[in-house]
Protein backbone atom coordinates (compact mmCIF):
# COMPACT_ATOMS: atom_id res chain seq x y z
CA MET A 1 -96.07 -59.54 -109.26
CA ASN A 2 -96.91 -58.71 -105.86
CA SER A 3 -94.55 -59.25 -103.35
CA ASN A 4 -95.03 -59.05 -99.34
CA THR A 5 -90.91 -58.21 -98.92
CA PHE A 6 -90.05 -54.88 -97.94
CA ARG A 7 -86.69 -53.71 -97.75
CA MET A 8 -85.17 -51.00 -95.79
CA PRO A 9 -83.65 -48.04 -97.62
CA ALA A 10 -79.82 -47.96 -97.47
CA ARG A 11 -79.31 -44.61 -96.08
CA ARG A 12 -81.44 -46.13 -92.89
CA CYS A 13 -79.54 -49.47 -92.74
CA ALA A 14 -76.37 -47.75 -92.64
CA SER A 15 -77.74 -45.53 -89.88
CA ALA A 16 -79.11 -48.44 -88.09
CA VAL A 17 -75.61 -50.23 -88.07
CA ALA A 18 -73.97 -47.33 -87.08
CA ALA A 19 -76.22 -46.55 -84.22
CA ALA A 20 -76.02 -50.13 -82.63
CA THR A 21 -72.17 -49.96 -83.12
CA LEU A 22 -72.04 -46.44 -80.81
CA ALA A 23 -74.63 -48.13 -78.37
CA ALA A 24 -72.65 -51.45 -77.99
CA GLY A 25 -68.91 -49.54 -77.62
CA PRO A 26 -69.53 -47.49 -74.69
CA ALA A 27 -71.75 -50.22 -72.96
CA ALA A 28 -68.99 -52.68 -73.55
CA LEU A 29 -66.16 -50.28 -72.13
CA LEU A 30 -68.21 -49.30 -68.96
CA THR A 31 -68.03 -53.47 -68.20
CA ALA A 32 -64.54 -53.92 -69.09
CA SER A 33 -63.15 -51.64 -66.35
CA PRO A 34 -64.77 -51.93 -62.70
CA ALA A 35 -64.01 -49.23 -59.99
CA HIS A 36 -62.08 -49.90 -56.91
CA ALA A 37 -62.19 -48.20 -53.76
CA THR A 38 -59.28 -48.39 -50.97
CA ASP A 39 -59.59 -47.41 -47.31
CA GLY A 40 -56.21 -46.05 -45.41
CA GLY A 41 -55.91 -46.87 -42.09
CA GLY A 42 -56.15 -44.17 -39.30
CA THR A 43 -53.54 -42.73 -36.87
CA GLY A 44 -53.42 -43.47 -33.21
CA GLY A 45 -53.26 -40.34 -30.36
CA ASP A 46 -51.36 -39.95 -27.50
CA GLY A 47 -52.01 -41.72 -24.20
CA ARG A 48 -52.88 -39.74 -20.87
CA ALA A 49 -51.33 -40.06 -17.42
CA SER A 50 -51.41 -38.10 -14.20
CA ALA A 51 -50.00 -38.19 -10.57
CA VAL A 52 -50.42 -36.65 -7.28
CA VAL A 53 -48.52 -36.98 -4.21
CA LEU A 54 -51.27 -35.39 -1.99
CA ARG A 55 -54.80 -34.50 -2.41
CA THR A 56 -57.46 -33.34 0.04
CA GLY A 57 -60.92 -32.91 0.42
CA LEU A 58 -61.87 -31.61 4.08
CA ASP A 59 -64.34 -29.31 5.68
CA VAL A 60 -63.26 -27.76 8.62
CA SER A 61 -65.65 -26.52 11.11
CA LEU A 62 -64.63 -23.79 13.53
CA LEU A 63 -66.48 -22.18 16.66
CA ASN A 64 -69.02 -24.92 17.00
CA LYS A 65 -69.78 -25.33 13.69
CA THR A 66 -70.62 -21.82 12.97
CA VAL A 67 -67.70 -21.27 10.32
CA HIS A 68 -66.89 -23.76 7.69
CA VAL A 69 -63.41 -23.63 5.94
CA PRO A 70 -62.85 -25.83 2.92
CA LEU A 71 -59.89 -27.60 3.23
CA LYS A 72 -58.90 -28.53 -0.35
CA ALA A 73 -55.19 -28.63 -1.22
CA THR A 74 -53.19 -30.72 -3.90
CA LEU A 75 -49.09 -31.19 -3.93
CA ASN A 76 -47.22 -32.01 -6.77
CA GLU A 77 -50.32 -32.84 -9.11
CA VAL A 78 -49.07 -33.05 -12.74
CA HIS A 79 -50.90 -34.35 -15.98
CA ALA A 80 -49.48 -35.52 -19.44
CA PRO A 81 -49.30 -35.76 -22.69
CA ALA A 82 -46.66 -33.37 -22.16
CA SER A 83 -44.24 -34.84 -19.78
CA ALA A 84 -44.28 -33.25 -16.37
CA GLY A 85 -42.38 -33.33 -12.77
CA LYS A 86 -42.82 -32.05 -9.55
CA THR A 87 -40.76 -32.45 -6.28
CA ALA A 88 -42.48 -29.87 -3.92
CA LEU A 89 -41.98 -30.90 -0.28
CA THR A 90 -44.47 -29.20 1.45
CA VAL A 91 -47.88 -27.33 1.09
CA THR A 92 -49.26 -24.68 3.35
CA LEU A 93 -52.66 -23.11 3.38
CA ASP A 94 -53.77 -19.79 4.76
CA GLY A 95 -56.66 -18.72 7.03
CA VAL A 96 -57.40 -22.02 8.80
CA ASP A 97 -55.46 -21.76 11.93
CA GLN A 98 -56.66 -18.19 13.29
CA GLY A 99 -55.37 -16.85 10.38
CA ARG A 100 -51.77 -18.31 10.64
CA PRO A 101 -50.40 -20.23 7.70
CA PHE A 102 -50.91 -24.00 8.13
CA THR A 103 -48.81 -26.78 6.96
CA VAL A 104 -51.03 -29.77 5.74
CA LEU A 105 -47.85 -32.01 4.48
CA ARG A 106 -43.95 -32.15 4.91
CA ALA A 107 -41.95 -34.96 3.50
CA ASP A 108 -38.12 -35.54 2.73
CA VAL A 109 -39.13 -36.89 -0.75
CA ALA A 110 -42.37 -36.07 -2.63
CA THR A 111 -42.28 -36.78 -6.32
CA ALA A 112 -44.83 -37.05 -9.14
CA LYS A 113 -44.32 -37.76 -12.91
CA ALA A 114 -46.33 -38.25 -16.03
CA THR A 115 -45.27 -39.05 -19.14
CA ALA A 116 -47.50 -39.85 -22.49
CA ASP A 117 -46.89 -40.19 -26.11
CA GLY A 118 -48.47 -42.18 -28.72
CA HIS A 119 -46.92 -45.62 -27.54
CA ARG A 120 -46.89 -45.44 -23.87
CA ALA A 121 -48.47 -43.44 -20.93
CA GLU A 122 -47.39 -43.55 -17.32
CA GLY A 123 -47.57 -42.15 -14.13
CA TYR A 124 -45.70 -42.45 -10.98
CA THR A 125 -45.55 -40.96 -7.37
CA ASN A 126 -43.04 -41.51 -4.61
CA LEU A 127 -43.45 -40.22 -1.14
CA ALA A 128 -41.17 -40.69 1.81
CA LYS A 129 -41.05 -39.53 5.51
CA ALA A 130 -44.11 -38.06 4.95
CA ARG A 131 -46.27 -36.48 7.83
CA VAL A 132 -49.83 -35.03 7.20
CA HIS A 133 -51.67 -32.67 9.44
CA VAL A 134 -54.85 -31.10 9.85
CA PRO A 135 -56.18 -28.03 11.92
CA GLY A 136 -57.11 -28.92 15.55
CA LEU A 137 -54.11 -30.93 16.16
CA PRO A 138 -51.22 -28.84 15.79
CA LEU A 139 -48.85 -31.17 17.66
CA LEU A 140 -50.12 -34.55 16.57
CA SER A 141 -49.92 -36.04 13.09
CA LEU A 142 -52.87 -37.39 11.07
CA ILE A 143 -50.62 -39.93 9.44
CA GLU A 144 -46.88 -40.79 9.26
CA VAL A 145 -45.52 -42.96 6.45
CA GLU A 146 -42.21 -44.26 5.77
CA LYS A 147 -42.71 -44.67 1.81
CA VAL A 148 -45.38 -45.21 -0.41
CA THR A 149 -45.51 -45.30 -4.13
CA SER A 150 -47.82 -45.77 -7.00
CA LYS A 151 -47.40 -46.42 -10.86
CA ALA A 152 -49.78 -46.92 -13.51
CA VAL A 153 -48.69 -47.91 -17.01
CA CYS A 154 -50.79 -47.63 -20.10
CA GLU A 155 -49.11 -49.27 -23.54
CA ALA A 156 -50.80 -49.43 -26.79
CA GLY A 157 -52.31 -53.06 -27.61
CA LYS A 158 -51.36 -54.37 -24.01
CA GLN A 159 -53.12 -54.95 -20.66
CA PRO A 160 -52.70 -51.49 -18.59
CA VAL A 161 -51.02 -52.42 -15.04
CA ALA A 162 -51.58 -50.45 -11.79
CA GLU A 163 -49.53 -51.05 -8.56
CA SER A 164 -48.94 -49.38 -5.18
CA ASN A 165 -46.77 -50.02 -2.43
CA VAL A 166 -46.52 -48.94 1.37
CA LEU A 167 -43.23 -49.55 2.79
CA GLY A 168 -42.17 -49.20 6.35
CA ALA A 169 -43.93 -48.44 9.48
CA VAL A 170 -47.38 -46.27 9.41
CA THR A 171 -48.44 -44.33 12.45
CA VAL A 172 -52.34 -42.79 12.53
CA LEU A 173 -53.14 -40.30 15.25
CA GLY A 174 -50.28 -41.37 17.02
CA LYS A 175 -50.72 -45.10 16.99
CA ARG A 176 -48.40 -47.65 14.95
CA THR A 177 -50.82 -49.38 12.65
CA THR A 178 -50.86 -52.38 10.59
CA LEU A 179 -52.72 -52.02 7.45
CA THR A 180 -54.81 -55.03 5.59
CA THR A 181 -53.62 -54.98 1.94
CA GLY A 182 -56.73 -54.06 -0.11
CA GLY A 183 -58.91 -53.80 3.03
CA THR A 184 -60.18 -51.15 5.18
CA THR A 185 -58.27 -50.65 8.52
CA LYS A 186 -60.17 -48.55 11.19
CA VAL A 187 -57.98 -46.24 13.86
CA GLY A 188 -59.85 -44.53 16.59
CA VAL A 189 -58.58 -42.39 19.40
CA PRO A 190 -61.14 -41.42 22.23
CA GLY A 191 -61.65 -37.77 22.54
CA VAL A 192 -59.75 -37.08 18.85
CA GLY A 193 -61.89 -38.94 16.45
CA GLU A 194 -61.67 -41.82 13.76
CA VAL A 195 -59.81 -42.38 10.70
CA ARG A 196 -60.58 -45.35 8.02
CA LEU A 197 -57.91 -46.13 5.74
CA ASP A 198 -57.93 -47.99 2.87
CA LEU A 199 -54.46 -49.29 1.60
CA SER A 200 -53.11 -50.05 -1.88
CA LYS A 201 -56.33 -49.67 -4.10
CA THR A 202 -55.98 -50.54 -7.83
CA GLU A 203 -58.17 -50.74 -10.52
CA THR A 204 -57.55 -51.67 -14.59
CA THR A 205 -59.81 -51.94 -17.34
CA SER A 206 -58.64 -52.87 -21.12
CA SER A 207 -57.32 -49.31 -21.71
CA THR A 208 -56.91 -47.43 -18.14
CA ALA A 209 -55.26 -48.07 -14.96
CA ALA A 210 -55.46 -46.29 -11.19
CA ALA A 211 -53.29 -46.94 -8.41
CA THR A 212 -53.67 -45.01 -4.82
CA ALA A 213 -51.35 -46.08 -2.10
CA LEU A 214 -53.41 -44.65 0.74
CA ARG A 215 -56.85 -43.27 1.11
CA LEU A 216 -58.05 -41.88 4.15
CA ASN A 217 -61.55 -41.28 5.49
CA VAL A 218 -61.55 -38.73 8.29
CA SER A 219 -63.81 -37.72 11.21
CA LEU A 220 -62.32 -35.80 14.04
CA ASN A 221 -63.44 -33.61 16.69
CA PRO A 222 -60.26 -32.92 19.01
CA LEU A 223 -60.96 -33.46 22.62
CA LYS A 224 -64.83 -32.50 21.95
CA LEU A 225 -64.28 -28.84 22.47
CA ASN A 226 -65.65 -28.20 19.29
CA VAL A 227 -62.55 -25.89 18.51
CA ALA A 228 -62.15 -27.88 15.19
CA GLU A 229 -64.23 -30.62 13.52
CA VAL A 230 -62.57 -31.95 10.42
CA GLU A 231 -64.46 -34.42 8.20
CA GLY A 232 -63.49 -35.43 4.49
CA GLU A 233 -60.93 -37.50 2.56
CA ILE A 234 -57.16 -37.16 2.06
CA THR A 235 -55.27 -39.10 -0.81
CA LEU A 236 -51.63 -40.11 -0.62
CA ALA A 237 -49.75 -41.15 -3.88
CA GLU A 238 -52.18 -41.67 -6.71
CA ALA A 239 -51.27 -42.45 -10.31
CA THR A 240 -53.25 -43.05 -13.31
CA CYS A 241 -53.18 -43.49 -17.02
CA ALA A 242 -55.30 -44.17 -20.16
CA ALA A 243 -53.83 -45.96 -23.24
CA PRO A 244 -52.82 -44.47 -26.37
CA LYS A 245 -55.00 -45.80 -29.45
CA ALA A 246 -53.16 -48.26 -31.35
CA PRO A 247 -53.10 -47.09 -34.99
CA ALA A 248 -55.23 -48.74 -37.36
CA GLN A 249 -53.62 -51.15 -39.78
CA ALA A 250 -54.11 -50.76 -43.43
CA PRO A 251 -55.07 -54.12 -45.37
CA ALA A 252 -52.16 -55.83 -46.89
CA GLU A 253 -51.52 -54.83 -50.53
CA GLN A 254 -52.26 -58.04 -52.62
CA ALA A 255 -49.76 -58.78 -55.36
CA PRO A 256 -50.76 -58.53 -58.98
CA ALA A 257 -52.37 -61.61 -60.41
CA GLU A 258 -49.74 -63.09 -63.36
CA GLN A 259 -51.59 -63.05 -66.73
CA GLU A 260 -51.55 -65.80 -68.50
CA PRO A 261 -49.50 -65.06 -72.20
CA SER A 262 -51.84 -64.69 -75.14
CA GLY A 263 -51.72 -67.27 -77.83
CA VAL A 264 -49.28 -64.74 -80.08
CA GLU A 265 -46.89 -64.59 -77.21
CA ALA A 266 -47.05 -68.64 -76.33
CA GLN A 267 -45.85 -69.23 -80.25
CA SER A 268 -42.95 -66.45 -80.29
CA GLY A 269 -42.06 -67.08 -76.71
CA GLY A 270 -41.81 -63.40 -75.98
CA THR A 271 -42.39 -62.18 -72.66
CA GLU A 272 -42.49 -58.27 -72.86
CA PRO A 273 -45.87 -56.49 -72.51
CA GLU A 274 -47.13 -55.05 -75.88
CA PRO A 275 -46.95 -51.12 -75.92
CA ALA A 276 -50.79 -51.15 -76.46
CA GLU A 277 -51.20 -52.90 -72.68
CA GLU A 278 -49.06 -49.86 -71.48
CA SER A 279 -51.27 -47.29 -73.06
CA LEU A 280 -54.30 -48.87 -71.68
CA ALA A 281 -53.22 -48.99 -68.17
CA LYS A 282 -52.23 -45.11 -68.40
CA THR A 283 -56.13 -44.48 -69.63
CA GLY A 284 -58.17 -46.70 -67.41
CA GLY A 285 -58.76 -49.38 -69.74
CA SER A 286 -58.18 -53.27 -69.23
CA SER A 287 -56.93 -55.86 -71.14
CA THR A 288 -60.45 -56.48 -72.75
CA THR A 289 -60.69 -53.34 -74.32
CA PRO A 290 -58.68 -54.25 -77.74
CA TYR A 291 -61.51 -56.85 -78.24
CA VAL A 292 -63.93 -54.49 -77.82
CA ALA A 293 -62.31 -52.00 -79.85
CA GLY A 294 -61.98 -54.48 -82.64
CA GLY A 295 -65.57 -55.74 -82.27
CA ALA A 296 -66.56 -51.97 -82.84
CA ILE A 297 -64.58 -51.68 -86.12
CA ALA A 298 -65.78 -54.93 -87.60
CA LEU A 299 -69.27 -53.68 -87.03
CA VAL A 300 -68.48 -50.24 -88.84
CA ALA A 301 -67.08 -52.34 -91.73
CA ALA A 302 -70.07 -54.23 -91.95
CA GLY A 303 -72.03 -51.19 -92.22
CA ALA A 304 -69.82 -49.59 -95.11
CA ALA A 305 -70.39 -53.12 -96.72
CA ALA A 306 -74.13 -53.08 -96.62
CA LEU A 307 -74.38 -49.38 -97.42
CA VAL A 308 -72.18 -50.26 -100.81
CA LEU A 309 -74.46 -53.32 -101.63
CA ALA A 310 -77.49 -51.27 -101.34
CA ARG A 311 -76.20 -48.56 -103.44
CA GLY A 312 -75.69 -51.43 -106.35
CA ARG A 313 -78.77 -52.51 -106.12
CA SER A 314 -80.50 -49.29 -106.51
CA ARG A 315 -78.57 -48.74 -109.50
CA THR A 316 -79.73 -51.89 -111.12
């Protein structure tokens, strides 16, 4: 009697079952424990600030423009992050007044301060009873001011603030002058020259601020004798700042979701976690790992039973 039924040898059947078990086990474990990625927040940096009482950028021409002397000077210029302050009352240059020292500015009060850290940056200047001179006008002040101040404040996460004030009288080339806030004032003196003044200039952006109490554009040729021609710019009481970067906030940690009690726990009323769960958490497994392992054991047992049955049939 012929038969078209083919049986797999017992050893091959057992090997196939074991192979299926090993193949299913790792795949199930991989899908049971997904990976998690976290991104930590960054830290903010310090802000920046600066302050200066006087800054000059002038070009002095002597002897009918045959000799040019740059007149560049600063008084009490400070910068932060490191807190700094200066209170010098005069600034003197050499070599522009027939070789003699020449005093550009004298003041009763001349203060510049700059501070900055990870939360706030501030620049501040205060100038009082000040007189500015340029070569060619040894007896006549270019400008005299009672008091001028500038302040720039930048705080992390806030809109920067810039302000400047000119208090009291202002005298330009011997003339008492009324200045226009936020505008340009021109003062001319025959035989001397012209000075244009910008009063209380402030600028702000989302993270920076700058304030200047007075900015002078100078064009002088005293008495038209070509003894000294002076052109350029002078800045009085300037303050700037740049806000520190606000630290990035780390995402709030979510509370772990409460797991529903299993059928056994519901019947017994127990609330303490099983030791197996704790061990699985330490090794990186999840709550589904015991079920996966149980399935693998069942498959191995089925393979063993099939092997015993096959050997019994072969004996008969």
